[in-house]
Amino acid sequence: MQAWWNAESIGEYWTLWNMPVHHWMIRHVYIPIKSTTGNRYVGVLASFFVSAIFHEVLIAVPLHRIKGYAFFGMLAQVRSHPLTYQLATAYCAGLWRAMQYAATPVAVII
């Protein structure tokens, strides 16, 4: 099993970050939506949407307010997977590492 901090792309990072949640999302959101619609991208969007709701609830409940920061932040990441993949293949895998380390303090604060 590979460690999440050795991820080569943002897609691999999401997969390795929380394996039980990743498998649950694939089994209960992605596969049913993809098999119903026949479209992989719709399954990905549905998975991110459900994940965004969960993230917002995890922030809103302890703070007793709904601001939408976690929800929209999670949905904004939908486009970052293909973008970072294109940048990493065009330039180098070190670019992903730099982005990963640059985002770490932000993730700790949030």
PDB file of N, CA and C in Angstrom:
ATOM      1  N   MET A   1       0.841  -1.185   0.000  1.00  0.00           N
ATOM      2  CA  MET A   1       0.000   0.000   0.000  1.00  0.00           C
ATOM      3  C   MET A   1       0.880   1.239   0.000  1.00  0.00           C
ATOM      4  N   GLN A   2       0.490   2.195  -0.771  1.00  0.00           N
ATOM      5  CA  GLN A   2       1.271   3.411  -0.934  1.00  0.00           C
ATOM      6  C   GLN A   2       0.783   4.491   0.031  1.00  0.00           C
ATOM      7  N   ALA A   3       1.693   5.311   0.493  1.00  0.00           N
ATOM      8  CA  ALA A   3       1.351   6.400   1.400  1.00  0.00           C
ATOM      9  C   ALA A   3       0.853   7.603   0.609  1.00  0.00           C
ATOM     10  N   TRP A   4      -0.119   8.333   1.165  1.00  0.00           N
ATOM     11  CA  TRP A   4      -0.725   9.475   0.469  1.00  0.00           C
ATOM     12  C   TRP A   4       0.278  10.576   0.207  1.00  0.00           C
ATOM     13  N   TRP A   5       1.303  10.718   1.041  1.00  0.00           N
ATOM     14  CA  TRP A   5       2.270  11.797   0.843  1.00  0.00           C
ATOM     15  C   TRP A   5       3.228  11.519  -0.304  1.00  0.00           C
ATOM     16  N   ASN A   6       3.189  10.322  -0.878  1.00  0.00           N
ATOM     17  CA  ASN A   6       4.003   9.990  -2.048  1.00  0.00           C
ATOM     18  C   ASN A   6       3.198  10.031  -3.340  1.00  0.00           C
ATOM     19  N   ALA A   7       2.021  10.613  -3.298  1.00  0.00           N
ATOM     20  CA  ALA A   7       1.151  10.661  -4.476  1.00  0.00           C
ATOM     21  C   ALA A   7       1.822  11.429  -5.607  1.00  0.00           C
ATOM     22  N   GLU A   8       1.656  10.915  -6.816  1.00  0.00           N
ATOM     23  CA  GLU A   8       2.234  11.545  -8.005  1.00  0.00           C
ATOM     24  C   GLU A   8       1.288  12.534  -8.672  1.00  0.00           C
ATOM     25  N   SER A   9       0.006  12.496  -8.314  1.00  0.00           N
ATOM     26  CA  SER A   9      -0.974  13.404  -8.909  1.00  0.00           C
ATOM     27  C   SER A   9      -2.068  13.672  -7.885  1.00  0.00           C
ATOM     28  N   ILE A  10      -2.896  14.649  -8.175  1.00  0.00           N
ATOM     29  CA  ILE A  10      -3.979  14.964  -7.252  1.00  0.00           C
ATOM     30  C   ILE A  10      -5.015  13.844  -7.219  1.00  0.00           C
ATOM     31  N   GLY A  11      -5.219  13.158  -8.333  1.00  0.00           N
ATOM     32  CA  GLY A  11      -6.130  12.023  -8.356  1.00  0.00           C
ATOM     33  C   GLY A  11      -5.645  10.891  -7.466  1.00  0.00           C
ATOM     34  N   GLU A  12      -4.371  10.599  -7.533  1.00  0.00           N
ATOM     35  CA  GLU A  12      -3.791   9.568  -6.671  1.00  0.00           C
ATOM     36  C   GLU A  12      -3.834   9.998  -5.205  1.00  0.00           C
ATOM     37  N   TYR A  13      -3.629  11.280  -4.939  1.00  0.00           N
ATOM     38  CA  TYR A  13      -3.702  11.812  -3.581  1.00  0.00           C
ATOM     39  C   TYR A  13      -5.100  11.600  -2.992  1.00  0.00           C
ATOM     40  N   TRP A  14      -6.148  11.941  -3.781  1.00  0.00           N
ATOM     41  CA  TRP A  14      -7.514  11.756  -3.307  1.00  0.00           C
ATOM     42  C   TRP A  14      -7.798  10.286  -3.033  1.00  0.00           C
ATOM     43  N   THR A  15      -7.267   9.409  -3.885  1.00  0.00           N
ATOM     44  CA  THR A  15      -7.481   7.985  -3.705  1.00  0.00           C
ATOM     45  C   THR A  15      -6.817   7.480  -2.434  1.00  0.00           C
ATOM     46  N   LEU A  16      -5.602   7.922  -2.177  1.00  0.00           N
ATOM     47  CA  LEU A  16      -4.827   7.413  -1.047  1.00  0.00           C
ATOM     48  C   LEU A  16      -5.134   8.115   0.272  1.00  0.00           C
ATOM     49  N   TRP A  17      -5.680   9.305   0.234  1.00  0.00           N
ATOM     50  CA  TRP A  17      -5.864  10.101   1.448  1.00  0.00           C
ATOM     51  C   TRP A  17      -6.755   9.384   2.460  1.00  0.00           C
ATOM     52  N   ASN A  18      -7.896   8.899   2.044  1.00  0.00           N
ATOM     53  CA  ASN A  18      -8.806   8.224   2.952  1.00  0.00           C
ATOM     54  C   ASN A  18      -9.439   7.060   2.205  1.00  0.00           C
ATOM     55  N   MET A  19      -8.791   5.919   2.265  1.00  0.00           N
ATOM     56  CA  MET A  19      -9.214   4.757   1.491  1.00  0.00           C
ATOM     57  C   MET A  19     -10.638   4.276   1.814  1.00  0.00           C
ATOM     58  N   PRO A  20     -11.064   4.190   3.085  1.00  0.00           N
ATOM     59  CA  PRO A  20     -12.446   3.744   3.326  1.00  0.00           C
ATOM     60  C   PRO A  20     -13.488   4.668   2.693  1.00  0.00           C
ATOM     61  N   VAL A  21     -13.269   5.972   2.773  1.00  0.00           N
ATOM     62  CA  VAL A  21     -14.208   6.925   2.168  1.00  0.00           C
ATOM     63  C   VAL A  21     -14.158   6.808   0.646  1.00  0.00           C
ATOM     64  N   HIS A  22     -12.964   6.665   0.099  1.00  0.00           N
ATOM     65  CA  HIS A  22     -12.807   6.516  -1.347  1.00  0.00           C
ATOM     66  C   HIS A  22     -13.583   5.296  -1.856  1.00  0.00           C
ATOM     67  N   HIS A  23     -13.428   4.160  -1.180  1.00  0.00           N
ATOM     68  CA  HIS A  23     -14.133   2.948  -1.598  1.00  0.00           C
ATOM     69  C   HIS A  23     -15.647   3.093  -1.427  1.00  0.00           C
ATOM     70  N   TRP A  24     -16.081   3.770  -0.357  1.00  0.00           N
ATOM     71  CA  TRP A  24     -17.498   3.987  -0.158  1.00  0.00           C
ATOM     72  C   TRP A  24     -18.075   4.845  -1.280  1.00  0.00           C
ATOM     73  N   MET A  25     -17.361   5.921  -1.631  1.00  0.00           N
ATOM     74  CA  MET A  25     -17.832   6.816  -2.700  1.00  0.00           C
ATOM     75  C   MET A  25     -17.910   6.082  -4.036  1.00  0.00           C
ATOM     76  N   ILE A  26     -16.937   5.255  -4.332  1.00  0.00           N
ATOM     77  CA  ILE A  26     -16.974   4.494  -5.585  1.00  0.00           C
ATOM     78  C   ILE A  26     -18.154   3.534  -5.591  1.00  0.00           C
ATOM     79  N   ARG A  27     -18.319   2.797  -4.500  1.00  0.00           N
ATOM     80  CA  ARG A  27     -19.348   1.763  -4.422  1.00  0.00           C
ATOM     81  C   ARG A  27     -20.765   2.331  -4.392  1.00  0.00           C
ATOM     82  N   HIS A  28     -20.971   3.431  -3.654  1.00  0.00           N
ATOM     83  CA  HIS A  28     -22.341   3.905  -3.423  1.00  0.00           C
ATOM     84  C   HIS A  28     -22.743   5.147  -4.220  1.00  0.00           C
ATOM     85  N   VAL A  29     -21.773   5.842  -4.816  1.00  0.00           N
ATOM     86  CA  VAL A  29     -22.122   7.041  -5.595  1.00  0.00           C
ATOM     87  C   VAL A  29     -21.669   6.898  -7.045  1.00  0.00           C
ATOM     88  N   TYR A  30     -20.365   6.698  -7.252  1.00  0.00           N
ATOM     89  CA  TYR A  30     -19.811   6.715  -8.608  1.00  0.00           C
ATOM     90  C   TYR A  30     -20.376   5.596  -9.487  1.00  0.00           C
ATOM     91  N   ILE A  31     -20.288   4.353  -9.033  1.00  0.00           N
ATOM     92  CA  ILE A  31     -20.729   3.222  -9.867  1.00  0.00           C
ATOM     93  C   ILE A  31     -22.224   3.280 -10.172  1.00  0.00           C
ATOM     94  N   PRO A  32     -23.109   3.545  -9.190  1.00  0.00           N
ATOM     95  CA  PRO A  32     -24.536   3.632  -9.544  1.00  0.00           C
ATOM     96  C   PRO A  32     -24.844   4.758 -10.540  1.00  0.00           C
ATOM     97  N   ILE A  33     -24.223   5.917 -10.360  1.00  0.00           N
ATOM     98  CA  ILE A  33     -24.479   7.033 -11.284  1.00  0.00           C
ATOM     99  C   ILE A  33     -23.922   6.732 -12.667  1.00  0.00           C
ATOM    100  N   LYS A  34     -22.707   6.190 -12.699  1.00  0.00           N
ATOM    101  CA  LYS A  34     -22.087   5.871 -13.991  1.00  0.00           C
ATOM    102  C   LYS A  34     -22.876   4.796 -14.731  1.00  0.00           C
ATOM    103  N   SER A  35     -23.348   3.777 -14.012  1.00  0.00           N
ATOM    104  CA  SER A  35     -24.101   2.721 -14.684  1.00  0.00           C
ATOM    105  C   SER A  35     -25.480   3.204 -15.129  1.00  0.00           C
ATOM    106  N   THR A  36     -26.057   4.150 -14.398  1.00  0.00           N
ATOM    107  CA  THR A  36     -27.361   4.693 -14.775  1.00  0.00           C
ATOM    108  C   THR A  36     -27.260   5.618 -15.985  1.00  0.00           C
ATOM    109  N   THR A  37     -26.288   6.525 -15.951  1.00  0.00           N
ATOM    110  CA  THR A  37     -26.162   7.509 -17.023  1.00  0.00           C
ATOM    111  C   THR A  37     -25.275   7.038 -18.165  1.00  0.00           C
ATOM    112  N   GLY A  38     -24.361   6.117 -17.871  1.00  0.00           N
ATOM    113  CA  GLY A  38     -23.405   5.669 -18.885  1.00  0.00           C
ATOM    114  C   GLY A  38     -22.291   6.667 -19.110  1.00  0.00           C
ATOM    115  N   ASN A  39     -22.212   7.686 -18.258  1.00  0.00           N
ATOM    116  CA  ASN A  39     -21.224   8.743 -18.428  1.00  0.00           C
ATOM    117  C   ASN A  39     -20.303   8.795 -17.209  1.00  0.00           C
ATOM    118  N   ARG A  40     -19.028   8.604 -17.440  1.00  0.00           N
ATOM    119  CA  ARG A  40     -18.037   8.608 -16.368  1.00  0.00           C
ATOM    120  C   ARG A  40     -17.960   9.966 -15.683  1.00  0.00           C
ATOM    121  N   TYR A  41     -18.002  11.034 -16.472  1.00  0.00           N
ATOM    122  CA  TYR A  41     -17.866  12.380 -15.931  1.00  0.00           C
ATOM    123  C   TYR A  41     -19.024  12.745 -15.000  1.00  0.00           C
ATOM    124  N   VAL A  42     -20.221  12.300 -15.313  1.00  0.00           N
ATOM    125  CA  VAL A  42     -21.367  12.558 -14.442  1.00  0.00           C
ATOM    126  C   VAL A  42     -21.172  11.847 -13.099  1.00  0.00           C
ATOM    127  N   GLY A  43     -20.603  10.645 -13.126  1.00  0.00           N
ATOM    128  CA  GLY A  43     -20.296   9.925 -11.897  1.00  0.00           C
ATOM    129  C   GLY A  43     -19.272  10.654 -11.048  1.00  0.00           C
ATOM    130  N   VAL A  44     -18.261  11.219 -11.700  1.00  0.00           N
ATOM    131  CA  VAL A  44     -17.240  11.992 -10.981  1.00  0.00           C
ATOM    132  C   VAL A  44     -17.873  13.244 -10.367  1.00  0.00           C
ATOM    133  N   LEU A  45     -18.677  13.963 -11.131  1.00  0.00           N
ATOM    134  CA  LEU A  45     -19.335  15.160 -10.612  1.00  0.00           C
ATOM    135  C   LEU A  45     -20.264  14.837  -9.441  1.00  0.00           C
ATOM    136  N   ALA A  46     -21.000  13.748  -9.544  1.00  0.00           N
ATOM    137  CA  ALA A  46     -21.887  13.349  -8.449  1.00  0.00           C
ATOM    138  C   ALA A  46     -21.079  13.002  -7.204  1.00  0.00           C
ATOM    139  N   SER A  47     -19.957  12.322  -7.386  1.00  0.00           N
ATOM    140  CA  SER A  47     -19.100  11.969  -6.249  1.00  0.00           C
ATOM    141  C   SER A  47     -18.553  13.209  -5.569  1.00  0.00           C
ATOM    142  N   PHE A  48     -18.098  14.171  -6.357  1.00  0.00           N
ATOM    143  CA  PHE A  48     -17.594  15.409  -5.782  1.00  0.00           C
ATOM    144  C   PHE A  48     -18.707  16.197  -5.094  1.00  0.00           C
ATOM    145  N   PHE A  49     -19.907  16.175  -5.661  1.00  0.00           N
ATOM    146  CA  PHE A  49     -21.022  16.878  -5.059  1.00  0.00           C
ATOM    147  C   PHE A  49     -21.370  16.292  -3.686  1.00  0.00           C
ATOM    148  N   VAL A  50     -21.453  14.963  -3.597  1.00  0.00           N
ATOM    149  CA  VAL A  50     -21.739  14.309  -2.316  1.00  0.00           C
ATOM    150  C   VAL A  50     -20.611  14.590  -1.321  1.00  0.00           C
ATOM    151  N   SER A  51     -19.386  14.502  -1.784  1.00  0.00           N
ATOM    152  CA  SER A  51     -18.244  14.787  -0.913  1.00  0.00           C
ATOM    153  C   SER A  51     -18.264  16.238  -0.440  1.00  0.00           C
ATOM    154  N   ALA A  52     -18.641  17.153  -1.319  1.00  0.00           N
ATOM    155  CA  ALA A  52     -18.715  18.568  -0.945  1.00  0.00           C
ATOM    156  C   ALA A  52     -19.769  18.798   0.132  1.00  0.00           C
ATOM    157  N   ILE A  53     -20.897  18.105   0.021  1.00  0.00           N
ATOM    158  CA  ILE A  53     -21.935  18.219   1.060  1.00  0.00           C
ATOM    159  C   ILE A  53     -21.402  17.713   2.391  1.00  0.00           C
ATOM    160  N   PHE A  54     -20.745  16.547   2.380  1.00  0.00           N
ATOM    161  CA  PHE A  54     -20.174  16.001   3.618  1.00  0.00           C
ATOM    162  C   PHE A  54     -19.144  16.954   4.222  1.00  0.00           C
ATOM    163  N   HIS A  55     -18.288  17.531   3.375  1.00  0.00           N
ATOM    164  CA  HIS A  55     -17.279  18.464   3.892  1.00  0.00           C
ATOM    165  C   HIS A  55     -17.925  19.695   4.520  1.00  0.00           C
ATOM    166  N   GLU A  56     -18.956  20.223   3.883  1.00  0.00           N
ATOM    167  CA  GLU A  56     -19.636  21.398   4.429  1.00  0.00           C
ATOM    168  C   GLU A  56     -20.309  21.078   5.756  1.00  0.00           C
ATOM    169  N   VAL A  57     -20.925  19.920   5.855  1.00  0.00           N
ATOM    170  CA  VAL A  57     -21.570  19.523   7.113  1.00  0.00           C
ATOM    171  C   VAL A  57     -20.528  19.385   8.222  1.00  0.00           C
ATOM    172  N   LEU A  58     -19.378  18.798   7.901  1.00  0.00           N
ATOM    173  CA  LEU A  58     -18.323  18.630   8.901  1.00  0.00           C
ATOM    174  C   LEU A  58     -17.774  19.962   9.397  1.00  0.00           C
ATOM    175  N   ILE A  59     -17.865  20.996   8.583  1.00  0.00           N
ATOM    176  CA  ILE A  59     -17.425  22.336   9.007  1.00  0.00           C
ATOM    177  C   ILE A  59     -18.578  23.085   9.666  1.00  0.00           C
ATOM    178  N   ALA A  60     -19.774  22.990   9.111  1.00  0.00           N
ATOM    179  CA  ALA A  60     -20.913  23.782   9.583  1.00  0.00           C
ATOM    180  C   ALA A  60     -21.423  23.351  10.956  1.00  0.00           C
ATOM    181  N   VAL A  61     -21.415  22.068  11.242  1.00  0.00           N
ATOM    182  CA  VAL A  61     -21.956  21.598  12.521  1.00  0.00           C
ATOM    183  C   VAL A  61     -21.159  22.140  13.704  1.00  0.00           C
ATOM    184  N   PRO A  62     -19.842  21.980  13.744  1.00  0.00           N
ATOM    185  CA  PRO A  62     -19.129  22.510  14.909  1.00  0.00           C
ATOM    186  C   PRO A  62     -19.148  24.039  14.996  1.00  0.00           C
ATOM    187  N   LEU A  63     -19.203  24.719  13.847  1.00  0.00           N
ATOM    188  CA  LEU A  63     -19.201  26.181  13.855  1.00  0.00           C
ATOM    189  C   LEU A  63     -20.606  26.780  13.975  1.00  0.00           C
ATOM    190  N   HIS A  64     -21.628  25.954  13.877  1.00  0.00           N
ATOM    191  CA  HIS A  64     -23.034  26.382  13.964  1.00  0.00           C
ATOM    192  C   HIS A  64     -23.400  27.423  12.909  1.00  0.00           C
ATOM    193  N   ARG A  65     -22.812  27.300  11.740  1.00  0.00           N
ATOM    194  CA  ARG A  65     -23.176  28.189  10.635  1.00  0.00           C
ATOM    195  C   ARG A  65     -22.765  27.559   9.311  1.00  0.00           C
ATOM    196  N   ILE A  66     -23.544  27.845   8.310  1.00  0.00           N
ATOM    197  CA  ILE A  66     -23.253  27.351   6.967  1.00  0.00           C
ATOM    198  C   ILE A  66     -22.745  28.522   6.141  1.00  0.00           C
ATOM    199  N   LYS A  67     -21.509  28.434   5.724  1.00  0.00           N
ATOM    200  CA  LYS A  67     -20.904  29.494   4.910  1.00  0.00           C
ATOM    201  C   LYS A  67     -20.685  29.049   3.464  1.00  0.00           C
ATOM    202  N   GLY A  68     -20.547  27.753   3.229  1.00  0.00           N
ATOM    203  CA  GLY A  68     -20.337  27.257   1.881  1.00  0.00           C
ATOM    204  C   GLY A  68     -18.888  27.173   1.466  1.00  0.00           C
ATOM    205  N   TYR A  69     -17.962  27.519   2.347  1.00  0.00           N
ATOM    206  CA  TYR A  69     -16.540  27.500   1.990  1.00  0.00           C
ATOM    207  C   TYR A  69     -16.077  26.092   1.643  1.00  0.00           C
ATOM    208  N   ALA A  70     -16.386  25.125   2.480  1.00  0.00           N
ATOM    209  CA  ALA A  70     -15.961  23.747   2.234  1.00  0.00           C
ATOM    210  C   ALA A  70     -16.677  23.176   1.010  1.00  0.00           C
ATOM    211  N   PHE A  71     -17.952  23.501   0.855  1.00  0.00           N
ATOM    212  CA  PHE A  71     -18.729  22.989  -0.276  1.00  0.00           C
ATOM    213  C   PHE A  71     -18.158  23.487  -1.599  1.00  0.00           C
ATOM    214  N   PHE A  72     -18.012  24.798  -1.727  1.00  0.00           N
ATOM    215  CA  PHE A  72     -17.517  25.348  -2.991  1.00  0.00           C
ATOM    216  C   PHE A  72     -16.030  25.073  -3.192  1.00  0.00           C
ATOM    217  N   GLY A  73     -15.280  24.977  -2.107  1.00  0.00           N
ATOM    218  CA  GLY A  73     -13.865  24.614  -2.220  1.00  0.00           C
ATOM    219  C   GLY A  73     -13.695  23.207  -2.761  1.00  0.00           C
ATOM    220  N   MET A  74     -14.546  22.306  -2.312  1.00  0.00           N
ATOM    221  CA  MET A  74     -14.476  20.930  -2.806  1.00  0.00           C
ATOM    222  C   MET A  74     -14.907  20.855  -4.267  1.00  0.00           C
ATOM    223  N   LEU A  75     -15.961  21.565  -4.627  1.00  0.00           N
ATOM    224  CA  LEU A  75     -16.407  21.553  -6.024  1.00  0.00           C
ATOM    225  C   LEU A  75     -15.392  22.215  -6.952  1.00  0.00           C
ATOM    226  N   ALA A  76     -14.644  23.180  -6.434  1.00  0.00           N
ATOM    227  CA  ALA A  76     -13.618  23.840  -7.261  1.00  0.00           C
ATOM    228  C   ALA A  76     -12.494  22.890  -7.614  1.00  0.00           C
ATOM    229  N   GLN A  77     -12.331  21.827  -6.849  1.00  0.00           N
ATOM    230  CA  GLN A  77     -11.260  20.875  -7.112  1.00  0.00           C
ATOM    231  C   GLN A  77     -11.564  19.925  -8.258  1.00  0.00           C
ATOM    232  N   VAL A  78     -12.796  19.911  -8.751  1.00  0.00           N
ATOM    233  CA  VAL A  78     -13.153  19.024  -9.853  1.00  0.00           C
ATOM    234  C   VAL A  78     -12.257  19.294 -11.054  1.00  0.00           C
ATOM    235  N   ARG A  79     -12.004  20.534 -11.342  1.00  0.00           N
ATOM    236  CA  ARG A  79     -11.182  20.892 -12.502  1.00  0.00           C
ATOM    237  C   ARG A  79      -9.684  20.742 -12.227  1.00  0.00           C
ATOM    238  N   SER A  80      -9.274  20.693 -10.967  1.00  0.00           N
ATOM    239  CA  SER A  80      -7.843  20.655 -10.681  1.00  0.00           C
ATOM    240  C   SER A  80      -7.209  19.320 -11.023  1.00  0.00           C
ATOM    241  N   HIS A  81      -7.970  18.230 -11.058  1.00  0.00           N
ATOM    242  CA  HIS A  81      -7.379  16.933 -11.391  1.00  0.00           C
ATOM    243  C   HIS A  81      -6.837  16.900 -12.820  1.00  0.00           C
ATOM    244  N   PRO A  82      -7.652  17.202 -13.843  1.00  0.00           N
ATOM    245  CA  PRO A  82      -7.093  17.198 -15.195  1.00  0.00           C
ATOM    246  C   PRO A  82      -6.016  18.267 -15.390  1.00  0.00           C
ATOM    247  N   LEU A  83      -6.197  19.406 -14.726  1.00  0.00           N
ATOM    248  CA  LEU A  83      -5.222  20.486 -14.870  1.00  0.00           C
ATOM    249  C   LEU A  83      -3.855  20.085 -14.324  1.00  0.00           C
ATOM    250  N   THR A  84      -3.819  19.518 -13.115  1.00  0.00           N
ATOM    251  CA  THR A  84      -2.532  19.109 -12.550  1.00  0.00           C
ATOM    252  C   THR A  84      -1.936  17.940 -13.323  1.00  0.00           C
ATOM    253  N   TYR A  85      -2.775  17.069 -13.855  1.00  0.00           N
ATOM    254  CA  TYR A  85      -2.264  15.959 -14.670  1.00  0.00           C
ATOM    255  C   TYR A  85      -1.594  16.492 -15.930  1.00  0.00           C
ATOM    256  N   GLN A  86      -2.232  17.463 -16.589  1.00  0.00           N
ATOM    257  CA  GLN A  86      -1.644  18.049 -17.793  1.00  0.00           C
ATOM    258  C   GLN A  86      -0.342  18.770 -17.477  1.00  0.00           C
ATOM    259  N   LEU A  87      -0.322  19.523 -16.383  1.00  0.00           N
ATOM    260  CA  LEU A  87       0.900  20.239 -16.004  1.00  0.00           C
ATOM    261  C   LEU A  87       2.026  19.281 -15.638  1.00  0.00           C
ATOM    262  N   ALA A  88       1.696  18.217 -14.913  1.00  0.00           N
ATOM    263  CA  ALA A  88       2.720  17.262 -14.493  1.00  0.00           C
ATOM    264  C   ALA A  88       3.297  16.517 -15.678  1.00  0.00           C
ATOM    265  N   THR A  89       2.458  16.145 -16.639  1.00  0.00           N
ATOM    266  CA  THR A  89       2.988  15.434 -17.807  1.00  0.00           C
ATOM    267  C   THR A  89       3.728  16.379 -18.731  1.00  0.00           C
ATOM    268  N   ALA A  90       3.314  17.632 -18.783  1.00  0.00           N
ATOM    269  CA  ALA A  90       3.985  18.590 -19.661  1.00  0.00           C
ATOM    270  C   ALA A  90       5.323  19.045 -19.092  1.00  0.00           C
ATOM    271  N   TYR A  91       5.399  19.192 -17.784  1.00  0.00           N
ATOM    272  CA  TYR A  91       6.620  19.716 -17.173  1.00  0.00           C
ATOM    273  C   TYR A  91       7.346  18.645 -16.374  1.00  0.00           C
ATOM    274  N   CYS A  92       6.853  18.348 -15.189  1.00  0.00           N
ATOM    275  CA  CYS A  92       7.492  17.318 -14.371  1.00  0.00           C
ATOM    276  C   CYS A  92       6.615  17.000 -13.169  1.00  0.00           C
ATOM    277  N   ALA A  93       6.894  15.853 -12.553  1.00  0.00           N
ATOM    278  CA  ALA A  93       6.142  15.455 -11.365  1.00  0.00           C
ATOM    279  C   ALA A  93       6.475  16.354 -10.183  1.00  0.00           C
ATOM    280  N   GLY A  94       7.614  17.029 -10.230  1.00  0.00           N
ATOM    281  CA  GLY A  94       8.003  17.932  -9.152  1.00  0.00           C
ATOM    282  C   GLY A  94       7.035  19.092  -8.992  1.00  0.00           C
ATOM    283  N   LEU A  95       6.362  19.469 -10.069  1.00  0.00           N
ATOM    284  CA  LEU A  95       5.367  20.538  -9.997  1.00  0.00           C
ATOM    285  C   LEU A  95       4.227  20.143  -9.072  1.00  0.00           C
ATOM    286  N   TRP A  96       3.765  18.896  -9.180  1.00  0.00           N
ATOM    287  CA  TRP A  96       2.706  18.411  -8.293  1.00  0.00           C
ATOM    288  C   TRP A  96       3.176  18.452  -6.855  1.00  0.00           C
ATOM    289  N   ARG A  97       4.410  18.030  -6.608  1.00  0.00           N
ATOM    290  CA  ARG A  97       4.949  18.050  -5.248  1.00  0.00           C
ATOM    291  C   ARG A  97       4.967  19.478  -4.697  1.00  0.00           C
ATOM    292  N   ALA A  98       5.376  20.436  -5.524  1.00  0.00           N
ATOM    293  CA  ALA A  98       5.410  21.833  -5.079  1.00  0.00           C
ATOM    294  C   ALA A  98       4.012  22.327  -4.741  1.00  0.00           C
ATOM    295  N   MET A  99       3.029  21.974  -5.569  1.00  0.00           N
ATOM    296  CA  MET A  99       1.644  22.371  -5.303  1.00  0.00           C
ATOM    297  C   MET A  99       1.140  21.707  -4.026  1.00  0.00           C
ATOM    298  N   GLN A 100       1.521  20.446  -3.820  1.00  0.00           N
ATOM    299  CA  GLN A 100       1.089  19.707  -2.644  1.00  0.00           C
ATOM    300  C   GLN A 100       1.640  20.343  -1.370  1.00  0.00           C
ATOM    301  N   TYR A 101       2.924  20.675  -1.363  1.00  0.00           N
ATOM    302  CA  TYR A 101       3.535  21.267  -0.182  1.00  0.00           C
ATOM    303  C   TYR A 101       3.066  22.704   0.040  1.00  0.00           C
ATOM    304  N   ALA A 102       2.772  23.430  -1.035  1.00  0.00           N
ATOM    305  CA  ALA A 102       2.292  24.796  -0.903  1.00  0.00           C
ATOM    306  C   ALA A 102       0.887  24.824  -0.306  1.00  0.00           C
ATOM    307  N   ALA A 103       0.065  23.820  -0.597  1.00  0.00           N
ATOM    308  CA  ALA A 103      -1.315  23.786  -0.107  1.00  0.00           C
ATOM    309  C   ALA A 103      -1.417  23.227   1.315  1.00  0.00           C
ATOM    310  N   THR A 104      -0.381  22.580   1.810  1.00  0.00           N
ATOM    311  CA  THR A 104      -0.448  21.948   3.127  1.00  0.00           C
ATOM    312  C   THR A 104      -0.793  22.917   4.248  1.00  0.00           C
ATOM    313  N   PRO A 105      -0.154  24.094   4.366  1.00  0.00           N
ATOM    314  CA  PRO A 105      -0.540  25.004   5.455  1.00  0.00           C
ATOM    315  C   PRO A 105      -1.987  25.452   5.366  1.00  0.00           C
ATOM    316  N   VAL A 106      -2.519  25.634   4.164  1.00  0.00           N
ATOM    317  CA  VAL A 106      -3.910  26.047   3.986  1.00  0.00           C
ATOM    318  C   VAL A 106      -4.835  24.945   4.495  1.00  0.00           C
ATOM    319  N   ALA A 107      -4.521  23.686   4.165  1.00  0.00           N
ATOM    320  CA  ALA A 107      -5.363  22.573   4.596  1.00  0.00           C
ATOM    321  C   ALA A 107      -5.343  22.423   6.110  1.00  0.00           C
ATOM    322  N   VAL A 108      -4.232  22.699   6.738  1.00  0.00           N
ATOM    323  CA  VAL A 108      -4.138  22.597   8.200  1.00  0.00           C
ATOM    324  C   VAL A 108      -4.958  23.687   8.873  1.00  0.00           C
ATOM    325  N   ILE A 109      -4.965  24.889   8.300  1.00  0.00           N
ATOM    326  CA  ILE A 109      -5.704  26.005   8.869  1.00  0.00           C
ATOM    327  C   ILE A 109      -7.207  25.770   8.754  1.00  0.00           C
ATOM    328  N   ILE A 110      -7.652  25.265   7.605  1.00  0.00           N
ATOM    329  CA  ILE A 110      -9.084  25.040   7.378  1.00  0.00           C
ATOM    330  C   ILE A 110      -9.505  23.856   8.183  1.00  0.00           C
TER     331      ILE A 110
END
